[in-house]
């Protein structure tokens, strides 16, 4: 089993060439993901996941960042679930095989 996880995290914004909204995956969950990362990454450490926030299910990839992982939140998901910058949200995620 690759891993299923539940987290609660605060939404933050990262400003690059375009702003993105994320939640950080840290601590024990990040450690568990890192343990299986080599089996699921498709390059640059990106890890494909299926997520559920509220009633919305979507796919994306975790971004490795300084020993943790950032989960990008698509605009459509944020809109559907009324997620704002600074919101505390519950996320269920499953690692997907490559």
N, C-alpha and C. Protein backbone atom coordinates (compact mmCIF):
# COMPACT_ATOMS: atom_id res chain seq x y z
N UNK A 1 0.84 -1.18 0.00
CA UNK A 1 0.00 0.00 0.00
C UNK A 1 0.88 1.24 0.00
N UNK A 2 0.60 2.14 -0.90
CA UNK A 2 1.43 3.34 -1.03
C UNK A 2 1.15 4.37 0.04
N UNK A 3 -0.05 4.52 0.45
CA UNK A 3 -0.32 5.44 1.54
C UNK A 3 -1.55 6.31 1.33
N UNK A 4 -2.34 6.37 2.39
CA UNK A 4 -3.47 7.28 2.46
C UNK A 4 -3.29 8.10 3.72
N UNK A 5 -3.56 9.39 3.62
CA UNK A 5 -3.28 10.29 4.73
C UNK A 5 -4.40 11.29 4.89
N UNK A 6 -4.58 11.76 6.13
CA UNK A 6 -5.49 12.86 6.43
C UNK A 6 -4.68 13.92 7.14
N UNK A 7 -4.82 15.14 6.67
CA UNK A 7 -4.12 16.25 7.30
C UNK A 7 -5.08 17.42 7.51
N UNK A 8 -4.70 18.28 8.40
CA UNK A 8 -5.38 19.57 8.59
C UNK A 8 -4.27 20.61 8.51
N UNK A 9 -4.44 21.58 7.62
CA UNK A 9 -3.38 22.55 7.41
C UNK A 9 -3.94 23.90 6.97
N UNK A 10 -3.12 24.93 7.12
CA UNK A 10 -3.50 26.28 6.76
C UNK A 10 -3.07 26.59 5.32
N UNK A 11 -3.96 27.22 4.57
CA UNK A 11 -3.68 27.60 3.19
C UNK A 11 -2.76 28.81 3.18
N UNK A 12 -1.70 28.73 2.36
CA UNK A 12 -0.79 29.87 2.22
C UNK A 12 -0.53 30.12 0.74
N UNK A 13 0.02 31.28 0.46
CA UNK A 13 0.29 31.67 -0.92
C UNK A 13 1.79 31.71 -1.14
N UNK A 14 2.22 31.19 -2.26
CA UNK A 14 3.61 31.30 -2.69
C UNK A 14 3.61 32.12 -3.97
N UNK A 15 4.40 33.14 -4.00
CA UNK A 15 4.44 34.00 -5.18
C UNK A 15 5.68 33.69 -5.99
N UNK A 16 5.46 33.15 -7.16
CA UNK A 16 6.52 32.93 -8.12
C UNK A 16 6.16 33.76 -9.33
N UNK A 17 6.41 33.25 -10.51
CA UNK A 17 5.96 33.97 -11.71
C UNK A 17 4.44 34.17 -11.69
N UNK A 18 3.74 33.24 -11.06
CA UNK A 18 2.29 33.36 -10.86
C UNK A 18 2.01 32.87 -9.44
N UNK A 19 1.05 33.46 -8.75
CA UNK A 19 0.78 33.01 -7.38
C UNK A 19 0.10 31.64 -7.35
N UNK A 20 0.46 30.86 -6.38
CA UNK A 20 -0.15 29.56 -6.16
C UNK A 20 -0.58 29.47 -4.70
N UNK A 21 -1.63 28.70 -4.45
CA UNK A 21 -2.08 28.44 -3.09
C UNK A 21 -1.75 26.99 -2.75
N UNK A 22 -1.25 26.79 -1.53
CA UNK A 22 -0.80 25.47 -1.09
C UNK A 22 -1.22 25.21 0.34
N UNK A 23 -1.10 23.95 0.74
CA UNK A 23 -1.01 23.59 2.15
C UNK A 23 0.28 22.78 2.28
N UNK A 24 0.93 22.92 3.42
CA UNK A 24 2.18 22.21 3.67
C UNK A 24 1.89 20.89 4.37
N UNK A 25 2.58 19.86 3.94
CA UNK A 25 2.52 18.56 4.58
C UNK A 25 3.84 18.38 5.31
N UNK A 26 3.76 18.27 6.62
CA UNK A 26 4.96 18.26 7.46
C UNK A 26 4.94 17.08 8.43
N UNK A 27 5.95 17.01 9.25
CA UNK A 27 5.99 16.05 10.35
C UNK A 27 5.95 14.59 9.92
N UNK A 28 5.21 13.78 10.69
CA UNK A 28 5.16 12.34 10.45
C UNK A 28 4.61 11.99 9.08
N UNK A 29 3.62 12.74 8.62
CA UNK A 29 3.06 12.44 7.30
C UNK A 29 4.11 12.67 6.22
N UNK A 30 4.85 13.78 6.30
CA UNK A 30 5.92 14.03 5.33
C UNK A 30 6.98 12.93 5.40
N UNK A 31 7.31 12.47 6.61
CA UNK A 31 8.28 11.39 6.77
C UNK A 31 7.80 10.10 6.10
N UNK A 32 6.53 9.77 6.29
CA UNK A 32 5.98 8.56 5.68
C UNK A 32 5.97 8.66 4.15
N UNK A 33 5.63 9.83 3.64
CA UNK A 33 5.64 10.02 2.18
C UNK A 33 7.06 9.89 1.66
N UNK A 34 8.00 10.50 2.34
CA UNK A 34 9.41 10.45 1.91
C UNK A 34 9.91 9.00 1.86
N UNK A 35 9.42 8.15 2.78
CA UNK A 35 9.84 6.74 2.81
C UNK A 35 9.47 5.99 1.53
N UNK A 36 8.39 6.40 0.86
CA UNK A 36 7.96 5.70 -0.36
C UNK A 36 8.12 6.55 -1.62
N UNK A 37 8.71 7.72 -1.48
CA UNK A 37 8.80 8.67 -2.58
C UNK A 37 9.46 8.07 -3.83
N UNK A 38 10.52 7.30 -3.65
CA UNK A 38 11.22 6.75 -4.81
C UNK A 38 10.34 5.83 -5.65
N UNK A 39 9.35 5.21 -5.02
CA UNK A 39 8.46 4.29 -5.74
C UNK A 39 7.37 5.01 -6.52
N UNK A 40 7.13 6.28 -6.20
CA UNK A 40 6.01 6.98 -6.83
C UNK A 40 6.38 8.25 -7.58
N UNK A 41 7.56 8.80 -7.36
CA UNK A 41 7.91 10.05 -8.02
C UNK A 41 8.06 9.86 -9.53
N UNK A 42 7.71 10.90 -10.27
CA UNK A 42 7.88 10.84 -11.73
C UNK A 42 8.96 11.81 -12.17
N UNK A 43 9.71 12.34 -11.27
CA UNK A 43 10.83 13.21 -11.60
C UNK A 43 10.80 14.47 -10.76
N UNK A 44 11.97 15.03 -10.50
CA UNK A 44 12.15 16.23 -9.69
C UNK A 44 11.52 16.09 -8.31
N UNK A 45 11.24 14.85 -7.88
CA UNK A 45 10.66 14.62 -6.57
C UNK A 45 9.16 14.82 -6.48
N UNK A 46 8.52 15.13 -7.62
CA UNK A 46 7.07 15.33 -7.65
C UNK A 46 6.37 13.99 -7.41
N UNK A 47 5.32 14.02 -6.59
CA UNK A 47 4.62 12.79 -6.22
C UNK A 47 3.14 12.93 -6.58
N UNK A 48 2.64 12.08 -7.49
CA UNK A 48 1.23 12.16 -7.88
C UNK A 48 0.31 11.71 -6.75
N UNK A 49 -0.77 12.48 -6.54
CA UNK A 49 -1.73 12.18 -5.49
C UNK A 49 -3.16 12.41 -5.97
N UNK A 50 -4.08 11.72 -5.32
CA UNK A 50 -5.50 12.00 -5.48
C UNK A 50 -5.94 12.57 -4.14
N UNK A 51 -6.68 13.68 -4.18
CA UNK A 51 -7.06 14.38 -2.96
C UNK A 51 -8.56 14.57 -2.89
N UNK A 52 -9.04 14.71 -1.65
CA UNK A 52 -10.42 15.10 -1.43
C UNK A 52 -10.44 16.18 -0.36
N UNK A 53 -11.11 17.27 -0.72
CA UNK A 53 -11.36 18.36 0.22
C UNK A 53 -12.86 18.58 0.16
N UNK A 54 -13.52 18.39 1.29
CA UNK A 54 -14.98 18.50 1.30
C UNK A 54 -15.59 17.48 0.35
N UNK A 55 -16.37 17.94 -0.60
CA UNK A 55 -17.00 17.05 -1.58
C UNK A 55 -16.24 17.00 -2.90
N UNK A 56 -15.10 17.68 -2.96
CA UNK A 56 -14.34 17.80 -4.21
C UNK A 56 -13.15 16.85 -4.21
N UNK A 57 -13.07 16.03 -5.26
CA UNK A 57 -11.94 15.12 -5.47
C UNK A 57 -11.17 15.61 -6.69
N UNK A 58 -9.84 15.59 -6.59
CA UNK A 58 -9.01 16.05 -7.70
C UNK A 58 -7.64 15.36 -7.64
N UNK A 59 -6.91 15.44 -8.75
CA UNK A 59 -5.55 14.90 -8.80
C UNK A 59 -4.59 16.06 -8.97
N UNK A 60 -3.42 15.88 -8.42
CA UNK A 60 -2.34 16.86 -8.54
C UNK A 60 -1.05 16.15 -8.13
N UNK A 61 -0.01 16.90 -7.88
CA UNK A 61 1.25 16.32 -7.43
C UNK A 61 1.82 17.13 -6.27
N UNK A 62 2.39 16.44 -5.31
CA UNK A 62 3.07 17.09 -4.20
C UNK A 62 4.40 17.64 -4.68
N UNK A 63 4.76 18.81 -4.21
CA UNK A 63 6.04 19.43 -4.52
C UNK A 63 6.96 19.25 -3.32
N UNK A 64 8.14 18.66 -3.50
CA UNK A 64 9.06 18.56 -2.37
C UNK A 64 9.62 19.94 -2.02
N UNK A 65 9.70 20.24 -0.73
CA UNK A 65 10.21 21.54 -0.31
C UNK A 65 10.85 21.43 1.07
N UNK A 66 12.18 21.46 1.12
CA UNK A 66 12.94 21.49 2.37
C UNK A 66 12.53 20.39 3.36
N UNK A 67 12.37 19.17 2.87
CA UNK A 67 12.02 18.05 3.74
C UNK A 67 10.53 17.86 3.95
N UNK A 68 9.74 18.82 3.52
CA UNK A 68 8.28 18.73 3.59
C UNK A 68 7.74 18.60 2.18
N UNK A 69 6.43 18.66 2.05
CA UNK A 69 5.78 18.64 0.73
C UNK A 69 4.72 19.72 0.70
N UNK A 70 4.59 20.35 -0.46
CA UNK A 70 3.54 21.34 -0.66
C UNK A 70 2.48 20.73 -1.57
N UNK A 71 1.23 20.87 -1.17
CA UNK A 71 0.09 20.40 -1.96
C UNK A 71 -0.56 21.62 -2.62
N UNK A 72 -0.45 21.73 -3.96
CA UNK A 72 -1.06 22.87 -4.64
C UNK A 72 -2.58 22.72 -4.68
N UNK A 73 -3.27 23.84 -4.48
CA UNK A 73 -4.74 23.84 -4.50
C UNK A 73 -5.21 24.54 -5.78
N UNK A 74 -5.85 23.78 -6.63
CA UNK A 74 -6.34 24.33 -7.89
C UNK A 74 -7.42 25.38 -7.61
N UNK A 75 -7.48 26.39 -8.48
CA UNK A 75 -8.49 27.44 -8.34
C UNK A 75 -9.90 26.86 -8.31
N UNK A 76 -10.17 25.87 -9.15
CA UNK A 76 -11.52 25.28 -9.20
C UNK A 76 -11.88 24.62 -7.87
N UNK A 77 -10.91 24.00 -7.22
CA UNK A 77 -11.14 23.35 -5.93
C UNK A 77 -11.38 24.42 -4.86
N UNK A 78 -10.56 25.45 -4.85
CA UNK A 78 -10.72 26.52 -3.86
C UNK A 78 -12.08 27.19 -4.01
N UNK A 79 -12.50 27.40 -5.24
CA UNK A 79 -13.80 28.03 -5.49
C UNK A 79 -14.95 27.12 -5.05
N UNK A 80 -14.88 25.84 -5.44
CA UNK A 80 -15.95 24.89 -5.12
C UNK A 80 -16.12 24.70 -3.61
N UNK A 81 -15.03 24.77 -2.87
CA UNK A 81 -15.06 24.52 -1.42
C UNK A 81 -14.95 25.79 -0.59
N UNK A 82 -15.01 26.95 -1.26
CA UNK A 82 -14.95 28.24 -0.57
C UNK A 82 -13.71 28.36 0.32
N UNK A 83 -12.57 28.01 -0.25
CA UNK A 83 -11.30 28.05 0.48
C UNK A 83 -10.61 29.39 0.20
N UNK A 84 -10.18 30.02 1.26
CA UNK A 84 -9.51 31.32 1.16
C UNK A 84 -8.11 31.24 1.76
N UNK A 85 -7.29 32.19 1.41
CA UNK A 85 -5.97 32.31 1.98
C UNK A 85 -6.11 32.37 3.50
N UNK A 86 -5.37 31.53 4.20
CA UNK A 86 -5.43 31.48 5.66
C UNK A 86 -6.43 30.48 6.22
N UNK A 87 -7.29 29.91 5.36
CA UNK A 87 -8.26 28.91 5.82
C UNK A 87 -7.54 27.69 6.38
N UNK A 88 -8.09 27.08 7.42
CA UNK A 88 -7.65 25.78 7.91
C UNK A 88 -8.53 24.76 7.22
N UNK A 89 -7.93 23.81 6.50
CA UNK A 89 -8.72 22.84 5.76
C UNK A 89 -8.31 21.41 6.08
N UNK A 90 -9.26 20.49 5.92
CA UNK A 90 -9.00 19.06 6.05
C UNK A 90 -8.80 18.49 4.66
N UNK A 91 -7.75 17.70 4.51
CA UNK A 91 -7.42 17.10 3.22
C UNK A 91 -7.21 15.61 3.41
N UNK A 92 -7.83 14.82 2.55
CA UNK A 92 -7.53 13.39 2.47
C UNK A 92 -6.74 13.19 1.19
N UNK A 93 -5.62 12.50 1.27
CA UNK A 93 -4.86 12.28 0.05
C UNK A 93 -4.34 10.87 -0.01
N UNK A 94 -4.25 10.37 -1.24
CA UNK A 94 -3.71 9.04 -1.52
C UNK A 94 -2.61 9.17 -2.54
N UNK A 95 -1.49 8.53 -2.27
CA UNK A 95 -0.41 8.51 -3.24
C UNK A 95 -0.82 7.62 -4.42
N UNK A 96 -0.48 8.07 -5.63
CA UNK A 96 -0.83 7.29 -6.82
C UNK A 96 0.44 6.69 -7.41
N UNK A 97 0.37 5.46 -7.86
CA UNK A 97 1.56 4.88 -8.51
C UNK A 97 1.85 5.60 -9.81
N UNK A 98 3.11 5.62 -10.17
CA UNK A 98 3.48 6.28 -11.44
C UNK A 98 3.19 5.41 -12.61
